[in-house]
Each structure stands twice: as C-alpha cells, then as structure tokens.
Amino acid sequence: MKRIILFAVSAAPLFFMLSCGSAPSVNRVSSDSLTDLSGYWNNTDVRIVCTSLIDSCLNSSRIAQFAGEKERLPRIKIGSFKNNTDEHLDPAIIPNTMKVVITNSGKAEFVADSATQNELRAEKQDQLSAASYETAASVGNETAADFMLTGSVKTIVDRAGRASTRTYIVNAELTHIETGVIYWTDENSEIKKVIQQPKVKF
C-alpha cells in the first residue's frame, strides 16, 4: 500500500509537467488582422468581399435614382446566399456581415429578415393578449422592404503537384420586391489563394 502511495506522489510532478508541456500556444491578435492558416474561406475574406459588394451596390446609379425619386433611403432585406463551394460554410456569415455594412453605411435602411419578423409578430400577438393597451405594440405597422439582396459563393480550384489555387467568386444582386426587376448585380473574385502543400517525409 505504501509503495502505491509513493508511486502516485512521485508521478504527480511528471504528469503535471507533461500536461503543461502539451498546452496550446495562444496569441491574441486584432480582429482586423489578416489571418490565413488553412487557405480556406475565413472572416477576413468575408469582410473584404461584403464591404466591396455593398459599396458597389449602394453607390450604383439606379439605387441613387430610386432614393431620389422616393426622397428617402432604400429599404433592403437580405435573402438567402447559396453555398456552391466544396467547403462547409455557415450560411449566415455573409448575410450577417452585409447587414452590418448596410446599417453602418447610412445609405440604406435594413429591414429584419423573415425569421426575425416572425419572432416580432409572435411577440406583438402576445402583447395584445397580455400587455396593457397603452404599451402594447400595434400590428400592421411594419416597414416593408423595397429590395431583397440575394447571392451565392463558389470556388474555382486549380491543382498542379503540391500547389493549388482557390479562387472565391461571390455574386450578389438586388431585386425590387414588388416588380421583380433586378436593380443591381455584381461579382467579386478578388479572393485568390495559392496553397503550397509541404513535402511528405518518411
């Protein structure tokens, strides 16, 4: 029994050293810094592409004409963005980033997406039955969107030996909801990565 206890006590420092030695190294970096570890689509790519496309959209002549005729900011609702790449991409990343860019631009108003609107409608119905008349939100007063922004992202992969290139092509278009007329469309293909695989050592 004493030998077992002695072994456990003597092995404890060794276990502690091994545990400490296997701990990951973590470096804190700025959220705006360019990081690219795998060569796949990442948050830096999303930010670059979304900013470029939304800038192109909100500065287009037809959108400016629409705003001038209506004498107000255009109201945009973001629809779906299809993932046509060979990667597993979170379908909400691009729409959420575009929402931030649109809202912060001051050149358009962002209307909540369908999922959020459904939650708001359920809340208003609940308020009508549970809240006082003076404080309950009214139904039928939602602000309708003028346009829906949709798009897709795909990749073109070229390989030769241990080297490969991945080019990301993001398409986006702004469609007038009432008429179905496309007021703006653009494509961004500036994200291109060259990936060199290391030699296999035996």
C-alpha atoms as a PDB file:
ATOM      1  CA  MET A   1       0.000   0.000   0.000  1.00  0.00           C
ATOM      2  CA  LYS A   2       2.876   2.357   0.886  1.00  0.00           C
ATOM      3  CA  ARG A   3       4.515   1.615  -2.487  1.00  0.00           C
ATOM      4  CA  ILE A   4       1.348   2.559  -4.369  1.00  0.00           C
ATOM      5  CA  ILE A   5       1.045   5.842  -2.464  1.00  0.00           C
ATOM      6  CA  LEU A   6       4.755   6.581  -3.021  1.00  0.00           C
ATOM      7  CA  PHE A   7       4.405   5.951  -6.774  1.00  0.00           C
ATOM      8  CA  ALA A   8       1.370   8.227  -7.024  1.00  0.00           C
ATOM      9  CA  VAL A   9       3.188  11.048  -5.222  1.00  0.00           C
ATOM     10  CA  SER A  10       6.344  10.697  -7.317  1.00  0.00           C
ATOM     11  CA  ALA A  11       4.389  10.504 -10.603  1.00  0.00           C
ATOM     12  CA  ALA A  12       2.338  13.635  -9.888  1.00  0.00           C
ATOM     13  CA  PRO A  13       5.100  16.162 -10.830  1.00  0.00           C
ATOM     14  CA  LEU A  14       5.799  14.230 -14.051  1.00  0.00           C
ATOM     15  CA  PHE A  15       2.103  14.256 -15.004  1.00  0.00           C
ATOM     16  CA  PHE A  16       1.941  17.981 -14.243  1.00  0.00           C
ATOM     17  CA  MET A  17       4.980  18.670 -16.455  1.00  0.00           C
ATOM     18  CA  LEU A  18       3.560  16.632 -19.329  1.00  0.00           C
ATOM     19  CA  SER A  19       0.199  18.377 -19.032  1.00  0.00           C
ATOM     20  CA  CYS A  20       1.829  21.801 -19.078  1.00  0.00           C
ATOM     21  CA  GLY A  21       4.042  20.839 -21.993  1.00  0.00           C
ATOM     22  CA  SER A  22       1.075  19.825 -24.162  1.00  0.00           C
ATOM     23  CA  ALA A  23      -0.883  23.028 -23.611  1.00  0.00           C
ATOM     24  CA  PRO A  24      -1.594  25.021 -26.811  1.00  0.00           C
ATOM     25  CA  SER A  25       0.148  28.308 -27.503  1.00  0.00           C
ATOM     26  CA  VAL A  26      -2.335  31.175 -27.806  1.00  0.00           C
ATOM     27  CA  ASN A  27      -1.573  34.616 -29.221  1.00  0.00           C
ATOM     28  CA  ARG A  28      -4.211  37.320 -29.071  1.00  0.00           C
ATOM     29  CA  VAL A  29      -4.478  39.344 -32.305  1.00  0.00           C
ATOM     30  CA  SER A  30      -6.593  42.231 -33.539  1.00  0.00           C
ATOM     31  CA  SER A  31      -9.903  41.319 -35.161  1.00  0.00           C
ATOM     32  CA  ASP A  32      -8.811  43.379 -38.199  1.00  0.00           C
ATOM     33  CA  SER A  33      -5.551  41.494 -38.672  1.00  0.00           C
ATOM     34  CA  LEU A  34      -5.091  39.289 -41.724  1.00  0.00           C
ATOM     35  CA  THR A  35      -5.003  35.652 -40.692  1.00  0.00           C
ATOM     36  CA  ASP A  36      -4.936  32.738 -43.109  1.00  0.00           C
ATOM     37  CA  LEU A  37      -3.933  29.382 -41.663  1.00  0.00           C
ATOM     38  CA  SER A  38      -5.694  26.827 -43.852  1.00  0.00           C
ATOM     39  CA  GLY A  39      -6.168  28.635 -47.160  1.00  0.00           C
ATOM     40  CA  TYR A  40      -9.920  28.249 -46.883  1.00  0.00           C
ATOM     41  CA  TRP A  41     -12.646  30.911 -46.645  1.00  0.00           C
ATOM     42  CA  ASN A  42     -12.337  32.910 -43.412  1.00  0.00           C
ATOM     43  CA  ASN A  43     -13.656  36.001 -41.635  1.00  0.00           C
ATOM     44  CA  THR A  44     -11.126  38.308 -43.331  1.00  0.00           C
ATOM     45  CA  ASP A  45     -12.352  37.172 -46.757  1.00  0.00           C
ATOM     46  CA  VAL A  46     -15.970  37.743 -45.733  1.00  0.00           C
ATOM     47  CA  ARG A  47     -15.241  41.268 -44.529  1.00  0.00           C
ATOM     48  CA  ILE A  48     -13.345  42.217 -47.698  1.00  0.00           C
ATOM     49  CA  VAL A  49     -15.933  40.810 -50.097  1.00  0.00           C
ATOM     50  CA  CYS A  50     -19.026  42.100 -48.281  1.00  0.00           C
ATOM     51  CA  THR A  51     -17.637  45.614 -47.905  1.00  0.00           C
ATOM     52  CA  SER A  52     -16.712  45.745 -51.588  1.00  0.00           C
ATOM     53  CA  LEU A  53     -20.067  44.428 -52.841  1.00  0.00           C
ATOM     54  CA  ILE A  54     -22.237  46.581 -50.580  1.00  0.00           C
ATOM     55  CA  ASP A  55     -20.185  49.661 -51.500  1.00  0.00           C
ATOM     56  CA  SER A  56     -20.780  48.846 -55.175  1.00  0.00           C
ATOM     57  CA  CYS A  57     -24.489  48.323 -54.527  1.00  0.00           C
ATOM     58  CA  LEU A  58     -25.207  51.445 -52.503  1.00  0.00           C
ATOM     59  CA  ASN A  59     -23.216  53.672 -54.854  1.00  0.00           C
ATOM     60  CA  SER A  60     -24.846  52.379 -58.035  1.00  0.00           C
ATOM     61  CA  SER A  61     -26.674  54.909 -60.188  1.00  0.00           C
ATOM     62  CA  ARG A  62     -30.017  53.071 -60.154  1.00  0.00           C
ATOM     63  CA  ILE A  63     -30.118  52.877 -56.369  1.00  0.00           C
ATOM     64  CA  ALA A  64     -29.271  56.580 -56.175  1.00  0.00           C
ATOM     65  CA  GLN A  65     -32.054  57.270 -58.674  1.00  0.00           C
ATOM     66  CA  PHE A  66     -34.529  55.239 -56.621  1.00  0.00           C
ATOM     67  CA  ALA A  67     -33.618  57.130 -53.458  1.00  0.00           C
ATOM     68  CA  GLY A  68     -34.026  60.438 -55.270  1.00  0.00           C
ATOM     69  CA  GLU A  69     -37.451  59.549 -56.651  1.00  0.00           C
ATOM     70  CA  LYS A  70     -38.732  58.256 -53.305  1.00  0.00           C
ATOM     71  CA  GLU A  71     -36.990  61.042 -51.365  1.00  0.00           C
ATOM     72  CA  ARG A  72     -35.894  58.545 -48.741  1.00  0.00           C
ATOM     73  CA  LEU A  73     -33.341  55.802 -48.172  1.00  0.00           C
ATOM     74  CA  PRO A  74     -33.949  52.462 -49.919  1.00  0.00           C
ATOM     75  CA  ARG A  75     -35.069  49.647 -47.620  1.00  0.00           C
ATOM     76  CA  ILE A  76     -33.216  46.387 -48.052  1.00  0.00           C
ATOM     77  CA  LYS A  77     -33.990  42.897 -46.800  1.00  0.00           C
ATOM     78  CA  ILE A  78     -31.379  40.171 -47.090  1.00  0.00           C
ATOM     79  CA  GLY A  79     -32.471  36.856 -48.515  1.00  0.00           C
ATOM     80  CA  SER A  80     -30.509  33.650 -48.957  1.00  0.00           C
ATOM     81  CA  PHE A  81     -26.901  33.230 -50.081  1.00  0.00           C
ATOM     82  CA  LYS A  82     -26.186  29.827 -51.625  1.00  0.00           C
ATOM     83  CA  ASN A  83     -23.013  27.933 -50.830  1.00  0.00           C
ATOM     84  CA  ASN A  84     -21.776  26.420 -54.091  1.00  0.00           C
ATOM     85  CA  THR A  85     -18.266  25.721 -52.805  1.00  0.00           C
ATOM     86  CA  ASP A  86     -16.674  22.466 -51.730  1.00  0.00           C
ATOM     87  CA  GLU A  87     -16.398  23.814 -48.176  1.00  0.00           C
ATOM     88  CA  HIS A  88     -18.780  23.802 -45.240  1.00  0.00           C
ATOM     89  CA  LEU A  89     -19.681  27.482 -44.845  1.00  0.00           C
ATOM     90  CA  ASP A  90     -22.018  28.954 -42.264  1.00  0.00           C
ATOM     91  CA  PRO A  91     -24.869  30.296 -44.464  1.00  0.00           C
ATOM     92  CA  ALA A  92     -25.446  33.200 -42.070  1.00  0.00           C
ATOM     93  CA  ILE A  93     -21.918  34.664 -42.189  1.00  0.00           C
ATOM     94  CA  ILE A  94     -22.240  36.610 -45.455  1.00  0.00           C
ATOM     95  CA  PRO A  95     -25.796  37.953 -44.810  1.00  0.00           C
ATOM     96  CA  ASN A  96     -24.890  38.998 -41.263  1.00  0.00           C
ATOM     97  CA  THR A  97     -21.756  40.807 -42.425  1.00  0.00           C
ATOM     98  CA  MET A  98     -23.679  42.554 -45.197  1.00  0.00           C
ATOM     99  CA  LYS A  99     -26.298  43.591 -42.646  1.00  0.00           C
ATOM    100  CA  VAL A 100     -23.607  45.315 -40.603  1.00  0.00           C
ATOM    101  CA  VAL A 101     -22.149  47.070 -43.658  1.00  0.00           C
ATOM    102  CA  ILE A 102     -25.581  48.229 -44.868  1.00  0.00           C
ATOM    103  CA  THR A 103     -26.639  49.501 -41.444  1.00  0.00           C
ATOM    104  CA  ASN A 104     -23.371  51.347 -40.844  1.00  0.00           C
ATOM    105  CA  SER A 105     -23.291  52.909 -44.326  1.00  0.00           C
ATOM    106  CA  GLY A 106     -26.109  55.377 -43.650  1.00  0.00           C
ATOM    107  CA  LYS A 107     -27.140  54.975 -47.292  1.00  0.00           C
ATOM    108  CA  ALA A 108     -29.915  52.411 -46.822  1.00  0.00           C
ATOM    109  CA  GLU A 109     -32.234  51.042 -44.182  1.00  0.00           C
ATOM    110  CA  PHE A 110     -32.046  47.396 -43.251  1.00  0.00           C
ATOM    111  CA  VAL A 111     -35.312  45.519 -42.731  1.00  0.00           C
ATOM    112  CA  ALA A 112     -35.271  42.478 -40.443  1.00  0.00           C
ATOM    113  CA  ASP A 113     -35.154  39.062 -42.086  1.00  0.00           C
ATOM    114  CA  SER A 114     -38.124  36.702 -42.178  1.00  0.00           C
ATOM    115  CA  ALA A 115     -37.086  34.724 -39.095  1.00  0.00           C
ATOM    116  CA  THR A 116     -36.759  37.879 -37.002  1.00  0.00           C
ATOM    117  CA  GLN A 117     -40.029  39.276 -38.341  1.00  0.00           C
ATOM    118  CA  ASN A 118     -41.846  36.096 -37.343  1.00  0.00           C
ATOM    119  CA  GLU A 119     -40.489  36.426 -33.807  1.00  0.00           C
ATOM    120  CA  LEU A 120     -41.578  40.059 -33.675  1.00  0.00           C
ATOM    121  CA  ARG A 121     -45.057  39.184 -34.897  1.00  0.00           C
ATOM    122  CA  ALA A 122     -45.394  36.482 -32.267  1.00  0.00           C
ATOM    123  CA  GLU A 123     -44.277  38.966 -29.607  1.00  0.00           C
ATOM    124  CA  LYS A 124     -46.819  41.547 -30.762  1.00  0.00           C
ATOM    125  CA  GLN A 125     -49.609  38.980 -30.654  1.00  0.00           C
ATOM    126  CA  ASP A 126     -48.530  38.051 -27.143  1.00  0.00           C
ATOM    127  CA  GLN A 127     -48.540  41.721 -26.109  1.00  0.00           C
ATOM    128  CA  LEU A 128     -52.061  42.195 -27.451  1.00  0.00           C
ATOM    129  CA  SER A 129     -53.323  39.498 -25.112  1.00  0.00           C
ATOM    130  CA  ALA A 130     -51.110  40.168 -22.089  1.00  0.00           C
ATOM    131  CA  ALA A 131     -49.906  43.779 -22.092  1.00  0.00           C
ATOM    132  CA  SER A 132     -51.822  46.962 -21.443  1.00  0.00           C
ATOM    133  CA  TYR A 133     -53.391  48.732 -24.421  1.00  0.00           C
ATOM    134  CA  GLU A 134     -51.186  51.775 -23.887  1.00  0.00           C
ATOM    135  CA  THR A 135     -47.911  49.849 -24.018  1.00  0.00           C
ATOM    136  CA  ALA A 136     -48.701  47.027 -26.476  1.00  0.00           C
ATOM    137  CA  ALA A 137     -47.062  47.284 -29.901  1.00  0.00           C
ATOM    138  CA  SER A 138     -49.534  47.709 -32.738  1.00  0.00           C
ATOM    139  CA  VAL A 139     -49.838  45.144 -35.504  1.00  0.00           C
ATOM    140  CA  GLY A 140     -49.858  46.082 -39.176  1.00  0.00           C
ATOM    141  CA  ASN A 141     -47.258  48.833 -38.811  1.00  0.00           C
ATOM    142  CA  GLU A 142     -44.207  47.041 -40.136  1.00  0.00           C
ATOM    143  CA  THR A 143     -41.974  48.859 -42.586  1.00  0.00           C
ATOM    144  CA  ALA A 144     -41.855  46.908 -45.835  1.00  0.00           C
ATOM    145  CA  ALA A 145     -38.629  46.399 -47.751  1.00  0.00           C
ATOM    146  CA  ASP A 146     -38.148  47.757 -51.265  1.00  0.00           C
ATOM    147  CA  PHE A 147     -35.423  45.314 -52.263  1.00  0.00           C
ATOM    148  CA  MET A 148     -34.162  41.832 -51.472  1.00  0.00           C
ATOM    149  CA  LEU A 149     -30.430  41.112 -51.574  1.00  0.00           C
ATOM    150  CA  THR A 150     -29.501  37.554 -52.583  1.00  0.00           C
ATOM    151  CA  GLY A 151     -26.432  35.812 -53.933  1.00  0.00           C
ATOM    152  CA  SER A 152     -24.053  32.884 -53.912  1.00  0.00           C
ATOM    153  CA  VAL A 153     -20.427  31.949 -53.318  1.00  0.00           C
ATOM    154  CA  LYS A 154     -18.474  29.368 -55.299  1.00  0.00           C
ATOM    155  CA  THR A 155     -14.861  28.310 -55.725  1.00  0.00           C
ATOM    156  CA  ILE A 156     -12.633  27.524 -58.668  1.00  0.00           C
ATOM    157  CA  VAL A 157      -9.823  25.167 -57.694  1.00  0.00           C
ATOM    158  CA  ASP A 158      -6.746  24.554 -59.850  1.00  0.00           C
ATOM    159  CA  ARG A 159      -4.127  21.974 -58.807  1.00  0.00           C
ATOM    160  CA  ALA A 160      -0.679  21.065 -60.057  1.00  0.00           C
ATOM    161  CA  GLY A 161       1.520  18.809 -57.960  1.00  0.00           C
ATOM    162  CA  ARG A 162       1.716  20.105 -54.382  1.00  0.00           C
ATOM    163  CA  ALA A 163       0.442  23.563 -55.349  1.00  0.00           C
ATOM    164  CA  SER A 164      -3.159  24.628 -55.733  1.00  0.00           C
ATOM    165  CA  THR A 165      -5.096  27.856 -56.131  1.00  0.00           C
ATOM    166  CA  ARG A 166      -8.532  28.605 -54.713  1.00  0.00           C
ATOM    167  CA  THR A 167     -10.474  31.491 -56.238  1.00  0.00           C
ATOM    168  CA  TYR A 168     -13.652  32.569 -54.477  1.00  0.00           C
ATOM    169  CA  ILE A 169     -16.383  34.118 -56.604  1.00  0.00           C
ATOM    170  CA  VAL A 170     -19.214  35.857 -54.761  1.00  0.00           C
ATOM    171  CA  ASN A 171     -22.243  37.009 -56.732  1.00  0.00           C
ATOM    172  CA  ALA A 172     -24.887  39.351 -55.339  1.00  0.00           C
ATOM    173  CA  GLU A 173     -27.973  41.020 -56.766  1.00  0.00           C
ATOM    174  CA  LEU A 174     -30.578  43.462 -55.533  1.00  0.00           C
ATOM    175  CA  THR A 175     -34.110  42.740 -56.726  1.00  0.00           C
ATOM    176  CA  HIS A 176     -37.102  45.066 -56.429  1.00  0.00           C
ATOM    177  CA  ILE A 177     -39.630  43.073 -54.403  1.00  0.00           C
ATOM    178  CA  GLU A 178     -42.792  44.479 -55.989  1.00  0.00           C
ATOM    179  CA  THR A 179     -41.747  44.251 -59.644  1.00  0.00           C
ATOM    180  CA  GLY A 180     -39.052  41.561 -59.585  1.00  0.00           C
ATOM    181  CA  VAL A 181     -36.711  43.855 -61.546  1.00  0.00           C
ATOM    182  CA  ILE A 182     -33.006  43.476 -60.771  1.00  0.00           C
ATOM    183  CA  TYR A 183     -31.688  46.953 -59.971  1.00  0.00           C
ATOM    184  CA  TRP A 184     -28.088  45.933 -59.331  1.00  0.00           C
ATOM    185  CA  THR A 185     -25.840  42.916 -59.662  1.00  0.00           C
ATOM    186  CA  ASP A 186     -22.112  42.465 -59.206  1.00  0.00           C
ATOM    187  CA  GLU A 187     -19.454  39.835 -58.760  1.00  0.00           C
ATOM    188  CA  ASN A 188     -16.368  39.793 -56.562  1.00  0.00           C
ATOM    189  CA  SER A 189     -13.485  37.439 -57.352  1.00  0.00           C
ATOM    190  CA  GLU A 190     -10.589  39.233 -55.655  1.00  0.00           C
ATOM    191  CA  ILE A 191     -10.035  36.472 -53.077  1.00  0.00           C
ATOM    192  CA  LYS A 192      -7.498  34.136 -54.658  1.00  0.00           C
ATOM    193  CA  LYS A 193      -5.155  31.943 -52.627  1.00  0.00           C
ATOM    194  CA  VAL A 194      -2.117  29.904 -53.603  1.00  0.00           C
ATOM    195  CA  ILE A 195      -1.620  26.930 -51.282  1.00  0.00           C
ATOM    196  CA  GLN A 196       1.654  25.005 -51.245  1.00  0.00           C
ATOM    197  CA  GLN A 197       1.485  21.630 -49.531  1.00  0.00           C
ATOM    198  CA  PRO A 198       4.651  20.525 -47.666  1.00  0.00           C
ATOM    199  CA  LYS A 199       6.678  17.567 -48.835  1.00  0.00           C
ATOM    200  CA  VAL A 200       5.805  14.276 -47.186  1.00  0.00           C
ATOM    201  CA  LYS A 201       8.655  12.978 -45.064  1.00  0.00           C
ATOM    202  CA  PHE A 202       9.071   9.295 -44.240  1.00  0.00           C
END
